[in-house]
Amino acid sequence: MTGLVLTACLISAVLFETQTRFLSHWIDDVIYDNKNHYLSCQALPTESVVRETLEANQDVIREIEQVNPEAVRIIIDDFTCPGKADLVIYYPSNKNRQAIEQILQGDTFFGIPYRLVNY
């Protein structure tokens, strides 16, 4: 009986994680100081839409880069999902991440999903 309960709990935990990515988000945030959107390739915008959005909002891109001009980098990830893309923002500290999130004020960059990576 105990094995059955344990198995049911394990299956429930796996299903909960696959639906919410709660543990993954927590690990990214608390342990790695990262942020990931966990979207599938199908859910990402096309590469051309990402490039157009980035080009149209260069003032915000420069503002983000000015958080730490020597270290903050923004790239378009167009190789993980061919034909689709998102933004990856690299930064060296939690202080930089907080400043970047203050500028972005949301889960997308003008509708474009982004990932934050503390290197």
Protein backbone atom coordinates (compact mmCIF):
# COMPACT_ATOMS: atom_id res chain seq x y z
CA MET A 1 0.00 0.00 0.00
CA THR A 2 2.82 2.41 0.90
CA GLY A 3 4.47 1.74 -2.47
CA LEU A 4 1.23 2.53 -4.26
CA VAL A 5 0.81 5.82 -2.39
CA LEU A 6 4.45 6.73 -3.06
CA THR A 7 4.05 5.92 -6.76
CA ALA A 8 0.86 8.00 -6.97
CA CYS A 9 2.62 10.92 -5.27
CA LEU A 10 5.58 10.63 -7.63
CA ILE A 11 3.35 10.52 -10.71
CA SER A 12 1.39 13.53 -9.42
CA ALA A 13 4.62 15.46 -8.81
CA VAL A 14 5.91 14.69 -12.30
CA LEU A 15 2.61 15.74 -13.89
CA PHE A 16 2.55 18.94 -11.82
CA GLU A 17 6.11 19.79 -12.87
CA THR A 18 5.49 19.13 -16.56
CA GLN A 19 2.43 21.37 -16.48
CA THR A 20 3.77 24.25 -14.36
CA ARG A 21 7.58 23.97 -14.47
CA PHE A 22 7.40 25.15 -10.84
CA LEU A 23 10.54 23.34 -9.72
CA SER A 24 12.43 24.30 -12.89
CA HIS A 25 11.53 27.96 -12.42
CA TRP A 26 12.56 27.81 -8.77
CA ILE A 27 15.91 26.18 -9.57
CA ASP A 28 16.58 28.69 -12.36
CA ASP A 29 15.69 31.63 -10.16
CA VAL A 30 17.07 30.69 -6.75
CA ILE A 31 20.07 28.51 -7.59
CA TYR A 32 21.24 29.83 -10.97
CA ASP A 33 19.81 33.38 -10.90
CA ASN A 34 18.36 32.78 -14.38
CA LYS A 35 14.93 33.12 -15.95
CA ASN A 36 13.61 30.80 -18.65
CA HIS A 37 10.28 30.97 -20.46
CA TYR A 38 10.13 27.19 -21.22
CA LEU A 39 8.14 27.76 -24.38
CA SER A 40 8.12 25.14 -27.11
CA CYS A 41 9.56 25.94 -30.53
CA GLN A 42 6.03 26.10 -31.91
CA ALA A 43 5.13 28.84 -29.41
CA LEU A 44 8.07 31.08 -30.34
CA PRO A 45 7.72 33.92 -32.86
CA THR A 46 9.43 33.74 -36.22
CA GLU A 47 13.01 34.89 -36.49
CA SER A 48 11.99 37.80 -38.73
CA VAL A 49 9.45 39.06 -36.18
CA VAL A 50 12.11 38.94 -33.45
CA ARG A 51 14.62 40.84 -35.61
CA GLU A 52 12.03 43.48 -36.57
CA THR A 53 10.98 43.96 -32.95
CA LEU A 54 14.59 44.27 -31.82
CA GLU A 55 15.34 46.80 -34.55
CA ALA A 56 12.25 48.86 -33.73
CA ASN A 57 13.19 49.06 -30.05
CA GLN A 58 16.91 49.84 -30.14
CA ASP A 59 16.47 52.52 -27.48
CA VAL A 60 15.37 49.88 -24.96
CA ILE A 61 18.13 47.51 -26.08
CA ARG A 62 20.70 50.26 -25.43
CA GLU A 63 19.12 50.96 -22.03
CA ILE A 64 19.45 47.29 -21.09
CA GLU A 65 23.05 47.15 -22.30
CA GLN A 66 23.86 50.28 -20.29
CA VAL A 67 23.03 48.39 -17.08
CA ASN A 68 26.59 47.07 -17.39
CA PRO A 69 28.13 48.11 -20.73
CA GLU A 70 31.13 45.84 -20.37
CA ALA A 71 29.16 42.72 -19.52
CA VAL A 72 25.46 42.73 -20.49
CA ARG A 73 24.87 41.11 -23.88
CA ILE A 74 21.68 40.49 -25.83
CA ILE A 75 21.51 37.89 -28.57
CA ILE A 76 18.82 36.49 -30.79
CA ASP A 77 18.70 32.73 -30.37
CA ASP A 78 17.76 31.57 -33.86
CA PHE A 79 19.67 28.29 -33.77
CA THR A 80 17.77 26.33 -31.09
CA CYS A 81 14.51 26.33 -33.09
CA PRO A 82 15.16 26.86 -36.83
CA GLY A 83 12.87 29.55 -38.24
CA LYS A 84 11.83 30.63 -34.74
CA ALA A 85 13.66 32.76 -32.20
CA ASP A 86 13.74 34.41 -28.80
CA LEU A 87 16.08 36.76 -26.97
CA VAL A 88 18.77 35.76 -24.53
CA ILE A 89 20.10 38.43 -22.20
CA TYR A 90 23.39 37.64 -20.46
CA TYR A 91 24.44 39.46 -17.30
CA PRO A 92 27.06 38.87 -14.57
CA SER A 93 25.20 39.61 -11.32
CA ASN A 94 21.86 39.60 -9.57
CA LYS A 95 22.07 43.38 -9.30
CA ASN A 96 22.27 43.56 -13.10
CA ARG A 97 19.34 41.14 -13.42
CA GLN A 98 17.18 43.27 -11.16
CA ALA A 99 17.97 46.39 -13.19
CA ILE A 100 17.21 44.57 -16.46
CA GLU A 101 13.91 43.24 -15.12
CA GLN A 102 13.00 46.77 -14.00
CA ILE A 103 13.48 47.96 -17.59
CA LEU A 104 11.59 45.03 -19.14
CA GLN A 105 8.70 45.06 -16.64
CA GLY A 106 7.17 41.86 -17.91
CA ASP A 107 7.67 38.40 -19.34
CA THR A 108 8.31 39.55 -22.91
CA PHE A 109 10.29 42.17 -24.78
CA PHE A 110 7.51 43.86 -26.76
CA GLY A 111 5.87 40.45 -27.24
CA ILE A 112 9.13 38.54 -27.74
CA PRO A 113 9.94 35.87 -25.13
CA TYR A 114 13.30 36.29 -23.47
CA ARG A 115 15.61 34.30 -21.24
CA LEU A 116 17.89 35.81 -18.62
CA VAL A 117 21.21 34.06 -18.07
CA ASN A 118 23.63 34.87 -15.28
CA TYR A 119 27.05 33.85 -16.48
